[in-house]
Amino acid sequence: GKTISLAGPSIIFVYMIIGFILFFVMRAMGEILLSNLSY
């Protein structure tokens, strides 16, 4: 509710950009975790 009041409909793009960036963070984490299962 607060993000919509700040950005209006452009908030849709905000969520898409953050989601895009965090996908790569997740992939980086996944590659390292699976490189050594004792982590």
All heavy atoms as atom14 arrays in JSON, in Angstrom:
{
  "sequence": "GKTISLAGPSIIFVYMIIGFILFFVMRAMGEILLSNLSY",
  "atom14_mask": [
    [1, 1, 1, 1, 0, 0, 0, 0, 0, 0, 0, 0, 0, 0],
    [1, 1, 1, 1, 1, 1, 1, 1, 1, 0, 0, 0, 0, 0],
    [1, 1, 1, 1, 1, 1, 1, 0, 0, 0, 0, 0, 0, 0],
    [1, 1, 1, 1, 1, 1, 1, 1, 0, 0, 0, 0, 0, 0],
    [1, 1, 1, 1, 1, 1, 0, 0, 0, 0, 0, 0, 0, 0],
    [1, 1, 1, 1, 1, 1, 1, 1, 0, 0, 0, 0, 0, 0],
    [1, 1, 1, 1, 1, 0, 0, 0, 0, 0, 0, 0, 0, 0],
    [1, 1, 1, 1, 0, 0, 0, 0, 0, 0, 0, 0, 0, 0],
    [1, 1, 1, 1, 1, 1, 1, 0, 0, 0, 0, 0, 0, 0],
    [1, 1, 1, 1, 1, 1, 0, 0, 0, 0, 0, 0, 0, 0],
    [1, 1, 1, 1, 1, 1, 1, 1, 0, 0, 0, 0, 0, 0],
    [1, 1, 1, 1, 1, 1, 1, 1, 0, 0, 0, 0, 0, 0],
    [1, 1, 1, 1, 1, 1, 1, 1, 1, 1, 1, 0, 0, 0],
    [1, 1, 1, 1, 1, 1, 1, 0, 0, 0, 0, 0, 0, 0],
    [1, 1, 1, 1, 1, 1, 1, 1, 1, 1, 1, 1, 0, 0],
    [1, 1, 1, 1, 1, 1, 1, 1, 0, 0, 0, 0, 0, 0],
    [1, 1, 1, 1, 1, 1, 1, 1, 0, 0, 0, 0, 0, 0],
    [1, 1, 1, 1, 1, 1, 1, 1, 0, 0, 0, 0, 0, 0],
    [1, 1, 1, 1, 0, 0, 0, 0, 0, 0, 0, 0, 0, 0],
    [1, 1, 1, 1, 1, 1, 1, 1, 1, 1, 1, 0, 0, 0],
    [1, 1, 1, 1, 1, 1, 1, 1, 0, 0, 0, 0, 0, 0],
    [1, 1, 1, 1, 1, 1, 1, 1, 0, 0, 0, 0, 0, 0],
    [1, 1, 1, 1, 1, 1, 1, 1, 1, 1, 1, 0, 0, 0],
    [1, 1, 1, 1, 1, 1, 1, 1, 1, 1, 1, 0, 0, 0],
    [1, 1, 1, 1, 1, 1, 1, 0, 0, 0, 0, 0, 0, 0],
    [1, 1, 1, 1, 1, 1, 1, 1, 0, 0, 0, 0, 0, 0],
    [1, 1, 1, 1, 1, 1, 1, 1, 1, 1, 1, 0, 0, 0],
    [1, 1, 1, 1, 1, 0, 0, 0, 0, 0, 0, 0, 0, 0],
    [1, 1, 1, 1, 1, 1, 1, 1, 0, 0, 0, 0, 0, 0],
    [1, 1, 1, 1, 0, 0, 0, 0, 0, 0, 0, 0, 0, 0],
    [1, 1, 1, 1, 1, 1, 1, 1, 1, 0, 0, 0, 0, 0],
    [1, 1, 1, 1, 1, 1, 1, 1, 0, 0, 0, 0, 0, 0],
    [1, 1, 1, 1, 1, 1, 1, 1, 0, 0, 0, 0, 0, 0],
    [1, 1, 1, 1, 1, 1, 1, 1, 0, 0, 0, 0, 0, 0],
    [1, 1, 1, 1, 1, 1, 0, 0, 0, 0, 0, 0, 0, 0],
    [1, 1, 1, 1, 1, 1, 1, 1, 0, 0, 0, 0, 0, 0],
    [1, 1, 1, 1, 1, 1, 1, 1, 0, 0, 0, 0, 0, 0],
    [1, 1, 1, 1, 1, 1, 0, 0, 0, 0, 0, 0, 0, 0],
    [1, 1, 1, 1, 1, 1, 1, 1, 1, 1, 1, 1, 0, 0]
  ],
  "atom14_positions": [
    [[0.84, -1.21, 0.0], [0.0, 0.0, 0.0], [0.87, 1.25, 0.0], [0.63, 2.19, -0.76], [0.0, 0.0, 0.0], [0.0, 0.0, 0.0], [0.0, 0.0, 0.0], [0.0, 0.0, 0.0], [0.0, 0.0, 0.0], [0.0, 0.0, 0.0], [0.0, 0.0, 0.0], [0.0, 0.0, 0.0], [0.0, 0.0, 0.0], [0.0, 0.0, 0.0]],
    [[1.92, 1.22, 0.82], [2.8, 2.38, 0.89], [3.63, 2.53, -0.39], [3.82, 3.63, -0.9], [3.73, 2.29, 2.11], [4.54, 3.56, 2.27], [5.1, 3.75, 3.65], [5.78, 5.12, 3.72], [6.49, 5.35, 4.96], [0.0, 0.0, 0.0], [0.0, 0.0, 0.0], [0.0, 0.0, 0.0], [0.0, 0.0, 0.0], [0.0, 0.0, 0.0]],
    [[4.1, 1.4, -0.95], [4.91, 1.49, -2.18], [4.06, 2.0, -3.34], [4.55, 2.77, -4.16], [5.55, 0.13, -2.55], [4.54, -0.87, -2.6], [6.63, -0.3, -1.61], [0.0, 0.0, 0.0], [0.0, 0.0, 0.0], [0.0, 0.0, 0.0], [0.0, 0.0, 0.0], [0.0, 0.0, 0.0], [0.0, 0.0, 0.0], [0.0, 0.0, 0.0]],
    [[2.79, 1.58, -3.4], [1.9, 2.06, -4.47], [1.7, 3.57, -4.33], [1.73, 4.31, -5.31], [0.54, 1.3, -4.45], [0.73, -0.15, -4.92], [-0.49, 2.01, -5.33], [-0.46, -1.07, -4.66], [0.0, 0.0, 0.0], [0.0, 0.0, 0.0], [0.0, 0.0, 0.0], [0.0, 0.0, 0.0], [0.0, 0.0, 0.0], [0.0, 0.0, 0.0]],
    [[1.52, 4.05, -3.08], [1.3, 5.49, -2.88], [2.55, 6.3, -3.23], [2.45, 7.46, -3.63], [0.86, 5.78, -1.44], [1.93, 5.56, -0.56], [0.0, 0.0, 0.0], [0.0, 0.0, 0.0], [0.0, 0.0, 0.0], [0.0, 0.0, 0.0], [0.0, 0.0, 0.0], [0.0, 0.0, 0.0], [0.0, 0.0, 0.0], [0.0, 0.0, 0.0]],
    [[3.73, 5.7, -3.08], [4.99, 6.4, -3.4], [5.27, 6.43, -4.89], [5.72, 7.44, -5.43], [6.18, 5.71, -2.7], [6.32, 5.88, -1.19], [7.39, 4.96, -0.66], [6.67, 7.32, -0.85], [0.0, 0.0, 0.0], [0.0, 0.0, 0.0], [0.0, 0.0, 0.0], [0.0, 0.0, 0.0], [0.0, 0.0, 0.0], [0.0, 0.0, 0.0]],
    [[5.03, 5.29, -5.57], [5.48, 5.14, -6.96], [4.35, 5.05, -7.98], [4.6, 5.15, -9.18], [6.37, 3.91, -7.08], [0.0, 0.0, 0.0], [0.0, 0.0, 0.0], [0.0, 0.0, 0.0], [0.0, 0.0, 0.0], [0.0, 0.0, 0.0], [0.0, 0.0, 0.0], [0.0, 0.0, 0.0], [0.0, 0.0, 0.0], [0.0, 0.0, 0.0]],
    [[3.11, 4.83, -7.52], [2.02, 4.61, -8.46], [2.22, 3.31, -9.23], [2.92, 2.41, -8.75], [0.0, 0.0, 0.0], [0.0, 0.0, 0.0], [0.0, 0.0, 0.0], [0.0, 0.0, 0.0], [0.0, 0.0, 0.0], [0.0, 0.0, 0.0], [0.0, 0.0, 0.0], [0.0, 0.0, 0.0], [0.0, 0.0, 0.0], [0.0, 0.0, 0.0]],
    [[1.65, 3.18, -10.42], [1.75, 1.92, -11.17], [3.18, 1.51, -11.52], [3.44, 0.34, -11.81], [0.94, 2.2, -12.44], [0.01, 3.3, -12.05], [0.76, 4.15, -11.09], [0.0, 0.0, 0.0], [0.0, 0.0, 0.0], [0.0, 0.0, 0.0], [0.0, 0.0, 0.0], [0.0, 0.0, 0.0], [0.0, 0.0, 0.0], [0.0, 0.0, 0.0]],
    [[4.12, 2.46, -11.5], [5.52, 2.12, -11.83], [6.12, 1.14, -10.83], [7.18, 0.56, -11.07], [6.39, 3.37, -11.92], [6.53, 3.98, -10.65], [0.0, 0.0, 0.0], [0.0, 0.0, 0.0], [0.0, 0.0, 0.0], [0.0, 0.0, 0.0], [0.0, 0.0, 0.0], [0.0, 0.0, 0.0], [0.0, 0.0, 0.0], [0.0, 0.0, 0.0]],
    [[5.41, 0.93, -9.7], [5.88, -0.03, -8.69], [6.02, -1.43, -9.29], [6.84, -2.24, -8.85], [4.93, -0.03, -7.46], [5.6, -0.71, -6.26], [3.61, -0.7, -7.75], [6.79, 0.01, -5.73], [0.0, 0.0, 0.0], [0.0, 0.0, 0.0], [0.0, 0.0, 0.0], [0.0, 0.0, 0.0], [0.0, 0.0, 0.0], [0.0, 0.0, 0.0]],
    [[5.24, -1.71, -10.34], [5.32, -3.01, -11.02], [6.74, -3.25, -11.53], [7.31, -4.33, -11.37], [4.3, -3.07, -12.18], [2.87, -3.01, -11.62], [4.5, -4.3, -13.05], [1.82, -2.64, -12.65], [0.0, 0.0, 0.0], [0.0, 0.0, 0.0], [0.0, 0.0, 0.0], [0.0, 0.0, 0.0], [0.0, 0.0, 0.0], [0.0, 0.0, 0.0]],
    [[7.34, -2.18, -12.13], [8.7, -2.3, -12.68], [9.73, -2.44, -11.55], [10.73, -3.12, -11.7], [9.03, -1.1, -13.57], [8.05, -0.9, -14.68], [7.27, 0.25, -14.76], [7.86, -1.89, -15.65], [6.34, 0.42, -15.78], [6.94, -1.73, -16.68], [6.17, -0.58, -16.74], [0.0, 0.0, 0.0], [0.0, 0.0, 0.0], [0.0, 0.0, 0.0]],
    [[9.44, -1.77, -10.42], [10.34, -1.86, -9.26], [10.47, -3.32, -8.82], [11.58, -3.83, -8.65], [9.83, -0.97, -8.09], [10.64, -1.21, -6.82], [9.86, 0.5, -8.47], [0.0, 0.0, 0.0], [0.0, 0.0, 0.0], [0.0, 0.0, 0.0], [0.0, 0.0, 0.0], [0.0, 0.0, 0.0], [0.0, 0.0, 0.0], [0.0, 0.0, 0.0]],
    [[9.33, -3.99, -8.66], [9.35, -5.39, -8.23], [10.05, -6.29, -9.25], [10.78, -7.2, -8.89], [7.92, -5.89, -7.97], [7.37, -5.47, -6.62], [6.51, -4.39, -6.5], [7.74, -6.15, -5.46], [6.01, -3.99, -5.26], [7.24, -5.76, -4.22], [6.39, -4.68, -4.13], [5.91, -4.29, -2.89], [0.0, 0.0, 0.0], [0.0, 0.0, 0.0]],
    [[9.85, -6.0, -10.54], [10.48, -6.82, -11.57], [12.0, -6.65, -11.56], [12.74, -7.63, -11.68], [9.92, -6.45, -12.95], [8.51, -6.96, -13.16], [7.73, -6.32, -14.65], [8.33, -7.46, -15.86], [0.0, 0.0, 0.0], [0.0, 0.0, 0.0], [0.0, 0.0, 0.0], [0.0, 0.0, 0.0], [0.0, 0.0, 0.0], [0.0, 0.0, 0.0]],
    [[12.47, -5.41, -11.36], [13.93, -5.15, -11.34], [14.57, -5.84, -10.14], [15.59, -6.52, -10.27], [14.2, -3.62, -11.33], [13.79, -3.0, -12.66], [15.68, -3.34, -11.04], [13.67, -1.47, -12.65], [0.0, 0.0, 0.0], [0.0, 0.0, 0.0], [0.0, 0.0, 0.0], [0.0, 0.0, 0.0], [0.0, 0.0, 0.0], [0.0, 0.0, 0.0]],
    [[13.95, -5.68, -8.96], [14.53, -6.3, -7.75], [14.53, -7.82, -7.89], [15.52, -8.49, -7.56], [13.76, -5.87, -6.48], [13.84, -4.36, -6.29], [14.34, -6.57, -5.23], [12.94, -3.81, -5.2], [0.0, 0.0, 0.0], [0.0, 0.0, 0.0], [0.0, 0.0, 0.0], [0.0, 0.0, 0.0], [0.0, 0.0, 0.0], [0.0, 0.0, 0.0]],
    [[13.43, -8.38, -8.41], [13.36, -9.83, -8.61], [14.43, -10.33, -9.56], [15.06, -11.37, -9.32], [0.0, 0.0, 0.0], [0.0, 0.0, 0.0], [0.0, 0.0, 0.0], [0.0, 0.0, 0.0], [0.0, 0.0, 0.0], [0.0, 0.0, 0.0], [0.0, 0.0, 0.0], [0.0, 0.0, 0.0], [0.0, 0.0, 0.0], [0.0, 0.0, 0.0]],
    [[14.68, -9.57, -10.64], [15.71, -9.92, -11.63], [17.09, -9.97, -10.96], [17.83, -10.94, -11.11], [15.68, -8.89, -12.76], [16.78, -9.05, -13.78], [16.7, -10.04, -14.75], [17.88, -8.21, -13.77], [17.72, -10.19, -15.7], [18.9, -8.35, -14.71], [18.82, -9.35, -15.68], [0.0, 0.0, 0.0], [0.0, 0.0, 0.0], [0.0, 0.0, 0.0]],
    [[17.41, -8.94, -10.18], [18.73, -8.87, -9.51], [18.89, -10.01, -8.51], [19.92, -10.69, -8.46], [18.89, -7.5, -8.79], [19.01, -6.36, -9.82], [20.07, -7.49, -7.83], [20.27, -6.31, -10.65], [0.0, 0.0, 0.0], [0.0, 0.0, 0.0], [0.0, 0.0, 0.0], [0.0, 0.0, 0.0], [0.0, 0.0, 0.0], [0.0, 0.0, 0.0]],
    [[17.83, -10.26, -7.71], [17.95, -11.27, -6.65], [18.01, -12.7, -7.19], [18.54, -13.58, -6.53], [16.82, -11.12, -5.63], [16.97, -9.88, -4.73], [15.83, -9.77, -3.76], [18.29, -9.91, -3.96], [0.0, 0.0, 0.0], [0.0, 0.0, 0.0], [0.0, 0.0, 0.0], [0.0, 0.0, 0.0], [0.0, 0.0, 0.0], [0.0, 0.0, 0.0]],
    [[17.53, -12.91, -8.39], [17.67, -14.23, -9.01], [19.15, -14.59, -9.14], [19.57, -15.71, -8.86], [16.99, -14.25, -10.38], [17.29, -15.51, -11.17], [16.83, -16.75, -10.73], [18.05, -15.46, -12.33], [17.11, -17.91, -11.44], [18.33, -16.62, -13.05], [17.86, -17.84, -12.6], [0.0, 0.0, 0.0], [0.0, 0.0, 0.0], [0.0, 0.0, 0.0]],
    [[19.97, -13.6, -9.53], [21.42, -13.86, -9.7], [22.11, -14.08, -8.35], [23.02, -14.89, -8.26], [22.07, -12.72, -10.48], [21.63, -12.67, -11.92], [20.62, -11.81, -12.33], [22.18, -13.53, -12.86], [20.17, -11.79, -13.64], [21.74, -13.53, -14.18], [20.74, -12.66, -14.57], [0.0, 0.0, 0.0], [0.0, 0.0, 0.0], [0.0, 0.0, 0.0]],
    [[21.63, -13.36, -7.32], [22.18, -13.59, -5.97], [21.9, -15.04, -5.56], [22.77, -15.74, -5.03], [21.57, -12.6, -4.94], [22.06, -12.89, -3.53], [21.89, -11.16, -5.33], [0.0, 0.0, 0.0], [0.0, 0.0, 0.0], [0.0, 0.0, 0.0], [0.0, 0.0, 0.0], [0.0, 0.0, 0.0], [0.0, 0.0, 0.0], [0.0, 0.0, 0.0]],
    [[20.67, -15.49, -5.84], [20.27, -16.86, -5.5], [21.11, -17.89, -6.26], [21.53, -18.9, -5.72], [18.79, -17.07, -5.85], [17.84, -16.23, -5.04], [17.61, -16.9, -3.41], [16.63, -18.33, -3.78], [0.0, 0.0, 0.0], [0.0, 0.0, 0.0], [0.0, 0.0, 0.0], [0.0, 0.0, 0.0], [0.0, 0.0, 0.0], [0.0, 0.0, 0.0]],
    [[21.35, -17.61, -7.54], [22.15, -18.54, -8.35], [23.6, -18.62, -7.86], [24.2, -19.69, -7.84], [22.1, -18.14, -9.83], [20.77, -18.47, -10.51], [20.49, -19.97, -10.58], [21.48, -20.7, -11.33], [21.34, -21.16, -12.57], [20.2, -20.94, -13.2], [22.29, -21.83, -13.16], [0.0, 0.0, 0.0], [0.0, 0.0, 0.0], [0.0, 0.0, 0.0]],
    [[24.13, -17.45, -7.47], [25.5, -17.43, -6.92], [25.57, -18.27, -5.65], [26.47, -19.1, -5.48], [25.92, -15.98, -6.62], [0.0, 0.0, 0.0], [0.0, 0.0, 0.0], [0.0, 0.0, 0.0], [0.0, 0.0, 0.0], [0.0, 0.0, 0.0], [0.0, 0.0, 0.0], [0.0, 0.0, 0.0], [0.0, 0.0, 0.0], [0.0, 0.0, 0.0]],
    [[24.57, -18.09, -4.78], [24.5, -18.86, -3.53], [24.37, -20.35, -3.83], [25.05, -21.19, -3.22], [23.31, -18.38, -2.7], [23.13, -19.12, -1.4], [21.67, -18.55, -0.52], [20.37, -19.34, -1.44], [0.0, 0.0, 0.0], [0.0, 0.0, 0.0], [0.0, 0.0, 0.0], [0.0, 0.0, 0.0], [0.0, 0.0, 0.0], [0.0, 0.0, 0.0]],
    [[23.51, -20.69, -4.79], [23.29, -22.1, -5.14], [24.55, -22.78, -5.65], [24.86, -23.9, -5.24], [0.0, 0.0, 0.0], [0.0, 0.0, 0.0], [0.0, 0.0, 0.0], [0.0, 0.0, 0.0], [0.0, 0.0, 0.0], [0.0, 0.0, 0.0], [0.0, 0.0, 0.0], [0.0, 0.0, 0.0], [0.0, 0.0, 0.0], [0.0, 0.0, 0.0]],
    [[25.29, -22.08, -6.53], [26.52, -22.68, -7.08], [27.54, -22.97, -5.97], [28.13, -24.04, -5.93], [27.15, -21.79, -8.15], [28.36, -22.48, -8.79], [29.06, -21.68, -9.89], [28.42, -20.79, -10.51], [30.24, -21.97, -10.15], [0.0, 0.0, 0.0], [0.0, 0.0, 0.0], [0.0, 0.0, 0.0], [0.0, 0.0, 0.0], [0.0, 0.0, 0.0]],
    [[27.7, -22.01, -5.05], [28.7, -22.21, -3.97], [28.24, -23.34, -3.03], [29.04, -24.21, -2.68], [28.94, -20.92, -3.16], [29.35, -19.76, -4.06], [30.03, -21.15, -2.12], [29.45, -18.42, -3.35], [0.0, 0.0, 0.0], [0.0, 0.0, 0.0], [0.0, 0.0, 0.0], [0.0, 0.0, 0.0], [0.0, 0.0, 0.0], [0.0, 0.0, 0.0]],
    [[26.97, -23.32, -2.61], [26.48, -24.35, -1.67], [26.65, -25.75, -2.25], [27.01, -26.69, -1.54], [25.0, -24.11, -1.33], [24.69, -23.02, -0.3], [23.19, -22.79, -0.22], [25.24, -23.37, 1.08], [0.0, 0.0, 0.0], [0.0, 0.0, 0.0], [0.0, 0.0, 0.0], [0.0, 0.0, 0.0], [0.0, 0.0, 0.0], [0.0, 0.0, 0.0]],
    [[26.39, -25.9, -3.55], [26.47, -27.23, -4.17], [27.9, -27.62, -4.52], [28.18, -28.78, -4.81], [25.58, -27.29, -5.42], [24.08, -27.17, -5.12], [23.27, -27.09, -6.4], [23.57, -28.33, -4.27], [0.0, 0.0, 0.0], [0.0, 0.0, 0.0], [0.0, 0.0, 0.0], [0.0, 0.0, 0.0], [0.0, 0.0, 0.0], [0.0, 0.0, 0.0]],
    [[28.83, -26.65, -4.47], [30.24, -26.98, -4.75], [30.88, -27.72, -3.57], [31.88, -28.38, -3.71], [31.05, -25.71, -5.05], [31.27, -24.97, -3.85], [0.0, 0.0, 0.0], [0.0, 0.0, 0.0], [0.0, 0.0, 0.0], [0.0, 0.0, 0.0], [0.0, 0.0, 0.0], [0.0, 0.0, 0.0], [0.0, 0.0, 0.0], [0.0, 0.0, 0.0]],
    [[30.26, -27.6, -2.39], [30.81, -28.25, -1.19], [29.65, -28.49, -0.23], [29.19, -27.57, 0.44], [31.87, -27.33, -0.56], [32.49, -27.95, 0.69], [32.01, -28.94, 1.23], [33.57, -27.35, 1.16], [0.0, 0.0, 0.0], [0.0, 0.0, 0.0], [0.0, 0.0, 0.0], [0.0, 0.0, 0.0], [0.0, 0.0, 0.0], [0.0, 0.0, 0.0]],
    [[29.18, -29.73, -0.15], [27.97, -30.02, 0.64], [28.21, -29.97, 2.15], [27.28, -30.13, 2.93], [27.39, -31.38, 0.23], [26.75, -31.42, -1.17], [26.22, -32.8, -1.49], [25.65, -30.38, -1.33], [0.0, 0.0, 0.0], [0.0, 0.0, 0.0], [0.0, 0.0, 0.0], [0.0, 0.0, 0.0], [0.0, 0.0, 0.0], [0.0, 0.0, 0.0]],
    [[29.47, -29.71, 2.56], [29.69, -29.55, 4.01], [29.38, -28.11, 4.44], [29.34, -27.81, 5.62], [31.13, -29.91, 4.39], [32.03, -29.0, 3.8], [0.0, 0.0, 0.0], [0.0, 0.0, 0.0], [0.0, 0.0, 0.0], [0.0, 0.0, 0.0], [0.0, 0.0, 0.0], [0.0, 0.0, 0.0], [0.0, 0.0, 0.0], [0.0, 0.0, 0.0]],
    [[29.14, -27.21, 3.47], [28.67, -25.87, 3.83], [27.24, -26.0, 4.33], [26.38, -26.53, 3.64], [28.65, -24.93, 2.61], [30.0, -24.52, 2.06], [30.18, -24.38, 0.69], [31.07, -24.25, 2.9], [31.4, -23.97, 0.15], [32.3, -23.85, 2.38], [32.46, -23.72, 1.0], [33.67, -23.32, 0.49], [0.0, 0.0, 0.0], [0.0, 0.0, 0.0]]
  ]
}
